[in-house]
Amino acid sequence: MTIKPTTPVTLRLPNDVHARVSALAEADHISLNAALVQAAELWATERAHGQIVAYAVDDVMARRSELLARLRDA
């Protein structure tokens, strides 16, 4: 296992969120920190994917606008 450099942070979670995440982490036999790291990584990955999809849609719309207009009007 590769150990990545880390940055310490202070995180204020609402009590209910803390309880839910703690329970899920315990059920998965991982630390609360590991669960929060996984959540942050998933969020960052999904955001990046969303940006790629949005760029691709914009690109298709720009390159195929005439064709899309004809299909819409057919």
PDB file of N, CA and C in Angstrom:
ATOM      1  N   MET A   1       0.847  -1.182   0.000  1.00  0.00           N
ATOM      2  CA  MET A   1       0.000   0.000   0.000  1.00  0.00           C
ATOM      3  C   MET A   1       0.889   1.241   0.000  1.00  0.00           C
ATOM      4  N   THR A   2       0.603   2.164  -0.894  1.00  0.00           N
ATOM      5  CA  THR A   2       1.342   3.408  -0.981  1.00  0.00           C
ATOM      6  C   THR A   2       0.721   4.433  -0.048  1.00  0.00           C
ATOM      7  N   ILE A   3       1.552   5.072   0.738  1.00  0.00           N
ATOM      8  CA  ILE A   3       1.069   6.118   1.638  1.00  0.00           C
ATOM      9  C   ILE A   3       1.265   7.460   0.959  1.00  0.00           C
ATOM     10  N   LYS A   4       0.159   8.172   0.774  1.00  0.00           N
ATOM     11  CA  LYS A   4       0.202   9.481   0.128  1.00  0.00           C
ATOM     12  C   LYS A   4       0.473  10.549   1.177  1.00  0.00           C
ATOM     13  N   PRO A   5       1.142  11.627   0.764  1.00  0.00           N
ATOM     14  CA  PRO A   5       1.276  12.765   1.692  1.00  0.00           C
ATOM     15  C   PRO A   5      -0.117  13.291   2.051  1.00  0.00           C
ATOM     16  N   THR A   6      -0.259  13.792   3.250  1.00  0.00           N
ATOM     17  CA  THR A   6      -1.566  14.268   3.703  1.00  0.00           C
ATOM     18  C   THR A   6      -1.495  15.710   4.180  1.00  0.00           C
ATOM     19  N   THR A   7      -2.648  16.326   4.233  1.00  0.00           N
ATOM     20  CA  THR A   7      -2.797  17.678   4.757  1.00  0.00           C
ATOM     21  C   THR A   7      -3.808  17.633   5.884  1.00  0.00           C
ATOM     22  N   PRO A   8      -3.434  18.056   7.076  1.00  0.00           N
ATOM     23  CA  PRO A   8      -4.413  18.061   8.166  1.00  0.00           C
ATOM     24  C   PRO A   8      -5.463  19.140   7.940  1.00  0.00           C
ATOM     25  N   VAL A   9      -6.705  18.802   8.242  1.00  0.00           N
ATOM     26  CA  VAL A   9      -7.802  19.761   8.119  1.00  0.00           C
ATOM     27  C   VAL A   9      -8.710  19.639   9.344  1.00  0.00           C
ATOM     28  N   THR A  10      -9.435  20.699   9.609  1.00  0.00           N
ATOM     29  CA  THR A  10     -10.467  20.666  10.633  1.00  0.00           C
ATOM     30  C   THR A  10     -11.799  20.642   9.910  1.00  0.00           C
ATOM     31  N   LEU A  11     -12.644  19.723  10.297  1.00  0.00           N
ATOM     32  CA  LEU A  11     -13.921  19.555   9.621  1.00  0.00           C
ATOM     33  C   LEU A  11     -15.036  19.589  10.660  1.00  0.00           C
ATOM     34  N   ARG A  12     -15.994  20.445  10.429  1.00  0.00           N
ATOM     35  CA  ARG A  12     -17.142  20.530  11.336  1.00  0.00           C
ATOM     36  C   ARG A  12     -18.335  19.880  10.634  1.00  0.00           C
ATOM     37  N   LEU A  13     -18.745  18.735  11.165  1.00  0.00           N
ATOM     38  CA  LEU A  13     -19.895  18.020  10.615  1.00  0.00           C
ATOM     39  C   LEU A  13     -21.105  18.223  11.516  1.00  0.00           C
ATOM     40  N   PRO A  14     -22.281  18.381  10.923  1.00  0.00           N
ATOM     41  CA  PRO A  14     -23.479  18.362  11.761  1.00  0.00           C
ATOM     42  C   PRO A  14     -23.544  17.020  12.497  1.00  0.00           C
ATOM     43  N   ASN A  15     -24.083  17.028  13.697  1.00  0.00           N
ATOM     44  CA  ASN A  15     -24.119  15.815  14.518  1.00  0.00           C
ATOM     45  C   ASN A  15     -24.760  14.640  13.802  1.00  0.00           C
ATOM     46  N   ASP A  16     -25.849  14.883  13.074  1.00  0.00           N
ATOM     47  CA  ASP A  16     -26.527  13.773  12.397  1.00  0.00           C
ATOM     48  C   ASP A  16     -25.676  13.191  11.269  1.00  0.00           C
ATOM     49  N   VAL A  17     -24.965  14.035  10.549  1.00  0.00           N
ATOM     50  CA  VAL A  17     -24.077  13.554   9.485  1.00  0.00           C
ATOM     51  C   VAL A  17     -22.933  12.753  10.095  1.00  0.00           C
ATOM     52  N   HIS A  18     -22.355  13.276  11.165  1.00  0.00           N
ATOM     53  CA  HIS A  18     -21.275  12.570  11.848  1.00  0.00           C
ATOM     54  C   HIS A  18     -21.730  11.188  12.304  1.00  0.00           C
ATOM     55  N   ALA A  19     -22.919  11.114  12.875  1.00  0.00           N
ATOM     56  CA  ALA A  19     -23.435   9.832  13.358  1.00  0.00           C
ATOM     57  C   ALA A  19     -23.632   8.844  12.212  1.00  0.00           C
ATOM     58  N   ARG A  20     -24.200   9.328  11.112  1.00  0.00           N
ATOM     59  CA  ARG A  20     -24.438   8.430   9.961  1.00  0.00           C
ATOM     60  C   ARG A  20     -23.143   7.954   9.352  1.00  0.00           C
ATOM     61  N   VAL A  21     -22.204   8.867   9.144  1.00  0.00           N
ATOM     62  CA  VAL A  21     -20.930   8.484   8.538  1.00  0.00           C
ATOM     63  C   VAL A  21     -20.148   7.563   9.474  1.00  0.00           C
ATOM     64  N   SER A  22     -20.163   7.852  10.752  1.00  0.00           N
ATOM     65  CA  SER A  22     -19.474   6.999  11.728  1.00  0.00           C
ATOM     66  C   SER A  22     -20.051   5.589  11.720  1.00  0.00           C
ATOM     67  N   ALA A  23     -21.371   5.477  11.678  1.00  0.00           N
ATOM     68  CA  ALA A  23     -22.010   4.161  11.661  1.00  0.00           C
ATOM     69  C   ALA A  23     -21.658   3.394  10.395  1.00  0.00           C
ATOM     70  N   LEU A  24     -21.652   4.087   9.257  1.00  0.00           N
ATOM     71  CA  LEU A  24     -21.299   3.432   7.997  1.00  0.00           C
ATOM     72  C   LEU A  24     -19.835   3.000   7.993  1.00  0.00           C
ATOM     73  N   ALA A  25     -18.964   3.856   8.507  1.00  0.00           N
ATOM     74  CA  ALA A  25     -17.541   3.516   8.577  1.00  0.00           C
ATOM     75  C   ALA A  25     -17.337   2.293   9.469  1.00  0.00           C
ATOM     76  N   GLU A  26     -18.003   2.291  10.612  1.00  0.00           N
ATOM     77  CA  GLU A  26     -17.874   1.155  11.528  1.00  0.00           C
ATOM     78  C   GLU A  26     -18.373  -0.126  10.865  1.00  0.00           C
ATOM     79  N   ALA A  27     -19.486  -0.042  10.149  1.00  0.00           N
ATOM     80  CA  ALA A  27     -20.034  -1.215   9.466  1.00  0.00           C
ATOM     81  C   ALA A  27     -19.080  -1.735   8.395  1.00  0.00           C
ATOM     82  N   ASP A  28     -18.329  -0.830   7.777  1.00  0.00           N
ATOM     83  CA  ASP A  28     -17.347  -1.208   6.750  1.00  0.00           C
ATOM     84  C   ASP A  28     -15.980  -1.517   7.339  1.00  0.00           C
ATOM     85  N   HIS A  29     -15.860  -1.422   8.657  1.00  0.00           N
ATOM     86  CA  HIS A  29     -14.599  -1.701   9.363  1.00  0.00           C
ATOM     87  C   HIS A  29     -13.468  -0.788   8.886  1.00  0.00           C
ATOM     88  N   ILE A  30     -13.811   0.489   8.720  1.00  0.00           N
ATOM     89  CA  ILE A  30     -12.813   1.500   8.369  1.00  0.00           C
ATOM     90  C   ILE A  30     -12.950   2.670   9.334  1.00  0.00           C
ATOM     91  N   SER A  31     -11.928   3.491   9.385  1.00  0.00           N
ATOM     92  CA  SER A  31     -11.980   4.657  10.267  1.00  0.00           C
ATOM     93  C   SER A  31     -12.885   5.731   9.677  1.00  0.00           C
ATOM     94  N   LEU A  32     -13.308   6.628  10.528  1.00  0.00           N
ATOM     95  CA  LEU A  32     -14.091   7.774  10.076  1.00  0.00           C
ATOM     96  C   LEU A  32     -13.278   8.573   9.055  1.00  0.00           C
ATOM     97  N   ASN A  33     -11.993   8.747   9.322  1.00  0.00           N
ATOM     98  CA  ASN A  33     -11.131   9.474   8.399  1.00  0.00           C
ATOM     99  C   ASN A  33     -11.112   8.797   7.030  1.00  0.00           C
ATOM    100  N   ALA A  34     -10.958   7.470   7.007  1.00  0.00           N
ATOM    101  CA  ALA A  34     -10.930   6.746   5.730  1.00  0.00           C
ATOM    102  C   ALA A  34     -12.246   6.914   4.980  1.00  0.00           C
ATOM    103  N   ALA A  35     -13.358   6.890   5.703  1.00  0.00           N
ATOM    104  CA  ALA A  35     -14.663   7.075   5.073  1.00  0.00           C
ATOM    105  C   ALA A  35     -14.782   8.468   4.461  1.00  0.00           C
ATOM    106  N   LEU A  36     -14.316   9.477   5.174  1.00  0.00           N
ATOM    107  CA  LEU A  36     -14.384  10.849   4.656  1.00  0.00           C
ATOM    108  C   LEU A  36     -13.450  11.050   3.473  1.00  0.00           C
ATOM    109  N   VAL A  37     -12.278  10.405   3.487  1.00  0.00           N
ATOM    110  CA  VAL A  37     -11.366  10.471   2.342  1.00  0.00           C
ATOM    111  C   VAL A  37     -12.031   9.830   1.119  1.00  0.00           C
ATOM    112  N   GLN A  38     -12.655   8.670   1.314  1.00  0.00           N
ATOM    113  CA  GLN A  38     -13.352   8.005   0.207  1.00  0.00           C
ATOM    114  C   GLN A  38     -14.464   8.898  -0.349  1.00  0.00           C
ATOM    115  N   ALA A  39     -15.206   9.533   0.534  1.00  0.00           N
ATOM    116  CA  ALA A  39     -16.295  10.412   0.097  1.00  0.00           C
ATOM    117  C   ALA A  39     -15.749  11.599  -0.698  1.00  0.00           C
ATOM    118  N   ALA A  40     -14.660  12.180  -0.233  1.00  0.00           N
ATOM    119  CA  ALA A  40     -14.058  13.318  -0.939  1.00  0.00           C
ATOM    120  C   ALA A  40     -13.527  12.894  -2.300  1.00  0.00           C
ATOM    121  N   GLU A  41     -12.903  11.719  -2.361  1.00  0.00           N
ATOM    122  CA  GLU A  41     -12.384  11.230  -3.645  1.00  0.00           C
ATOM    123  C   GLU A  41     -13.514  10.957  -4.625  1.00  0.00           C
ATOM    124  N   LEU A  42     -14.596  10.355  -4.146  1.00  0.00           N
ATOM    125  CA  LEU A  42     -15.750  10.084  -5.004  1.00  0.00           C
ATOM    126  C   LEU A  42     -16.355  11.378  -5.514  1.00  0.00           C
ATOM    127  N   TRP A  43     -16.520  12.359  -4.633  1.00  0.00           N
ATOM    128  CA  TRP A  43     -17.079  13.651  -5.030  1.00  0.00           C
ATOM    129  C   TRP A  43     -16.216  14.309  -6.107  1.00  0.00           C
ATOM    130  N   ALA A  44     -14.893  14.300  -5.897  1.00  0.00           N
ATOM    131  CA  ALA A  44     -13.984  14.927  -6.866  1.00  0.00           C
ATOM    132  C   ALA A  44     -14.036  14.200  -8.210  1.00  0.00           C
ATOM    133  N   THR A  45     -14.112  12.878  -8.182  1.00  0.00           N
ATOM    134  CA  THR A  45     -14.190  12.099  -9.415  1.00  0.00           C
ATOM    135  C   THR A  45     -15.482  12.379 -10.159  1.00  0.00           C
ATOM    136  N   GLU A  46     -16.593  12.408  -9.423  1.00  0.00           N
ATOM    137  CA  GLU A  46     -17.889  12.676 -10.056  1.00  0.00           C
ATOM    138  C   GLU A  46     -17.953  14.082 -10.633  1.00  0.00           C
ATOM    139  N   ARG A  47     -17.381  15.050  -9.938  1.00  0.00           N
ATOM    140  CA  ARG A  47     -17.351  16.430 -10.458  1.00  0.00           C
ATOM    141  C   ARG A  47     -16.554  16.501 -11.748  1.00  0.00           C
ATOM    142  N   ALA A  48     -15.393  15.847 -11.756  1.00  0.00           N
ATOM    143  CA  ALA A  48     -14.556  15.848 -12.959  1.00  0.00           C
ATOM    144  C   ALA A  48     -15.288  15.162 -14.113  1.00  0.00           C
ATOM    145  N   HIS A  49     -15.951  14.060 -13.824  1.00  0.00           N
ATOM    146  CA  HIS A  49     -16.706  13.355 -14.863  1.00  0.00           C
ATOM    147  C   HIS A  49     -17.830  14.240 -15.402  1.00  0.00           C
ATOM    148  N   GLY A  50     -18.526  14.922 -14.525  1.00  0.00           N
ATOM    149  CA  GLY A  50     -19.592  15.821 -14.949  1.00  0.00           C
ATOM    150  C   GLY A  50     -19.091  16.930 -15.857  1.00  0.00           C
ATOM    151  N   GLN A  51     -17.907  17.443 -15.554  1.00  0.00           N
ATOM    152  CA  GLN A  51     -17.325  18.495 -16.388  1.00  0.00           C
ATOM    153  C   GLN A  51     -16.954  17.954 -17.762  1.00  0.00           C
ATOM    154  N   ILE A  52     -16.456  16.721 -17.817  1.00  0.00           N
ATOM    155  CA  ILE A  52     -16.108  16.103 -19.101  1.00  0.00           C
ATOM    156  C   ILE A  52     -17.365  15.891 -19.932  1.00  0.00           C
ATOM    157  N   VAL A  53     -18.425  15.401 -19.297  1.00  0.00           N
ATOM    158  CA  VAL A  53     -19.687  15.185 -20.012  1.00  0.00           C
ATOM    159  C   VAL A  53     -20.248  16.512 -20.517  1.00  0.00           C
ATOM    160  N   ALA A  54     -20.222  17.530 -19.694  1.00  0.00           N
ATOM    161  CA  ALA A  54     -20.733  18.837 -20.115  1.00  0.00           C
ATOM    162  C   ALA A  54     -19.943  19.380 -21.297  1.00  0.00           C
ATOM    163  N   TYR A  55     -18.614  19.221 -21.272  1.00  0.00           N
ATOM    164  CA  TYR A  55     -17.783  19.668 -22.390  1.00  0.00           C
ATOM    165  C   TYR A  55     -18.137  18.894 -23.654  1.00  0.00           C
ATOM    166  N   ALA A  56     -18.322  17.584 -23.535  1.00  0.00           N
ATOM    167  CA  ALA A  56     -18.646  16.760 -24.703  1.00  0.00           C
ATOM    168  C   ALA A  56     -19.995  17.158 -25.295  1.00  0.00           C
ATOM    169  N   VAL A  57     -20.973  17.403 -24.436  1.00  0.00           N
ATOM    170  CA  VAL A  57     -22.297  17.818 -24.922  1.00  0.00           C
ATOM    171  C   VAL A  57     -22.193  19.170 -25.621  1.00  0.00           C
ATOM    172  N   ASP A  58     -21.476  20.104 -25.029  1.00  0.00           N
ATOM    173  CA  ASP A  58     -21.290  21.416 -25.662  1.00  0.00           C
ATOM    174  C   ASP A  58     -20.605  21.273 -27.010  1.00  0.00           C
ATOM    175  N   ASP A  59     -19.618  20.405 -27.087  1.00  0.00           N
ATOM    176  CA  ASP A  59     -18.882  20.190 -28.332  1.00  0.00           C
ATOM    177  C   ASP A  59     -19.800  19.624 -29.412  1.00  0.00           C
ATOM    178  N   VAL A  60     -20.602  18.620 -29.057  1.00  0.00           N
ATOM    179  CA  VAL A  60     -21.532  18.029 -30.024  1.00  0.00           C
ATOM    180  C   VAL A  60     -22.552  19.069 -30.467  1.00  0.00           C
ATOM    181  N   MET A  61     -23.074  19.828 -29.525  1.00  0.00           N
ATOM    182  CA  MET A  61     -24.061  20.852 -29.882  1.00  0.00           C
ATOM    183  C   MET A  61     -23.469  21.871 -30.846  1.00  0.00           C
ATOM    184  N   ALA A  62     -22.220  22.259 -30.619  1.00  0.00           N
ATOM    185  CA  ALA A  62     -21.588  23.257 -31.481  1.00  0.00           C
ATOM    186  C   ALA A  62     -21.286  22.688 -32.866  1.00  0.00           C
ATOM    187  N   ARG A  63     -20.775  21.468 -32.907  1.00  0.00           N
ATOM    188  CA  ARG A  63     -20.372  20.889 -34.192  1.00  0.00           C
ATOM    189  C   ARG A  63     -21.542  20.352 -35.001  1.00  0.00           C
ATOM    190  N   ARG A  64     -22.608  19.976 -34.328  1.00  0.00           N
ATOM    191  CA  ARG A  64     -23.734  19.344 -35.018  1.00  0.00           C
ATOM    192  C   ARG A  64     -25.030  20.125 -34.873  1.00  0.00           C
ATOM    193  N   SER A  65     -24.938  21.421 -34.654  1.00  0.00           N
ATOM    194  CA  SER A  65     -26.145  22.218 -34.403  1.00  0.00           C
ATOM    195  C   SER A  65     -27.115  22.180 -35.583  1.00  0.00           C
ATOM    196  N   GLU A  66     -26.593  22.235 -36.801  1.00  0.00           N
ATOM    197  CA  GLU A  66     -27.476  22.215 -37.971  1.00  0.00           C
ATOM    198  C   GLU A  66     -28.208  20.874 -38.068  1.00  0.00           C
ATOM    199  N   LEU A  67     -27.489  19.785 -37.893  1.00  0.00           N
ATOM    200  CA  LEU A  67     -28.107  18.460 -37.942  1.00  0.00           C
ATOM    201  C   LEU A  67     -29.134  18.301 -36.825  1.00  0.00           C
ATOM    202  N   LEU A  68     -28.791  18.740 -35.630  1.00  0.00           N
ATOM    203  CA  LEU A  68     -29.720  18.630 -34.513  1.00  0.00           C
ATOM    204  C   LEU A  68     -30.981  19.461 -34.757  1.00  0.00           C
ATOM    205  N   ALA A  69     -30.836  20.606 -35.380  1.00  0.00           N
ATOM    206  CA  ALA A  69     -32.003  21.455 -35.701  1.00  0.00           C
ATOM    207  C   ALA A  69     -32.893  20.752 -36.717  1.00  0.00           C
ATOM    208  N   ARG A  70     -32.290  20.114 -37.712  1.00  0.00           N
ATOM    209  CA  ARG A  70     -33.094  19.393 -38.711  1.00  0.00           C
ATOM    210  C   ARG A  70     -33.815  18.202 -38.074  1.00  0.00           C
ATOM    211  N   LEU A  71     -33.162  17.509 -37.171  1.00  0.00           N
ATOM    212  CA  LEU A  71     -33.803  16.381 -36.490  1.00  0.00           C
ATOM    213  C   LEU A  71     -34.950  16.875 -35.612  1.00  0.00           C
ATOM    214  N   ARG A  72     -34.721  17.996 -34.934  1.00  0.00           N
ATOM    215  CA  ARG A  72     -35.773  18.575 -34.089  1.00  0.00           C
ATOM    216  C   ARG A  72     -36.994  18.948 -34.913  1.00  0.00           C
ATOM    217  N   ASP A  73     -36.768  19.493 -36.095  1.00  0.00           N
ATOM    218  CA  ASP A  73     -37.857  19.989 -36.926  1.00  0.00           C
ATOM    219  C   ASP A  73     -38.487  18.932 -37.812  1.00  0.00           C
ATOM    220  N   ALA A  74     -37.931  17.735 -37.823  1.00  0.00           N
ATOM    221  CA  ALA A  74     -38.444  16.673 -38.706  1.00  0.00           C
ATOM    222  C   ALA A  74     -39.768  16.124 -38.211  1.00  0.00           C
TER     223      ALA A  74
END
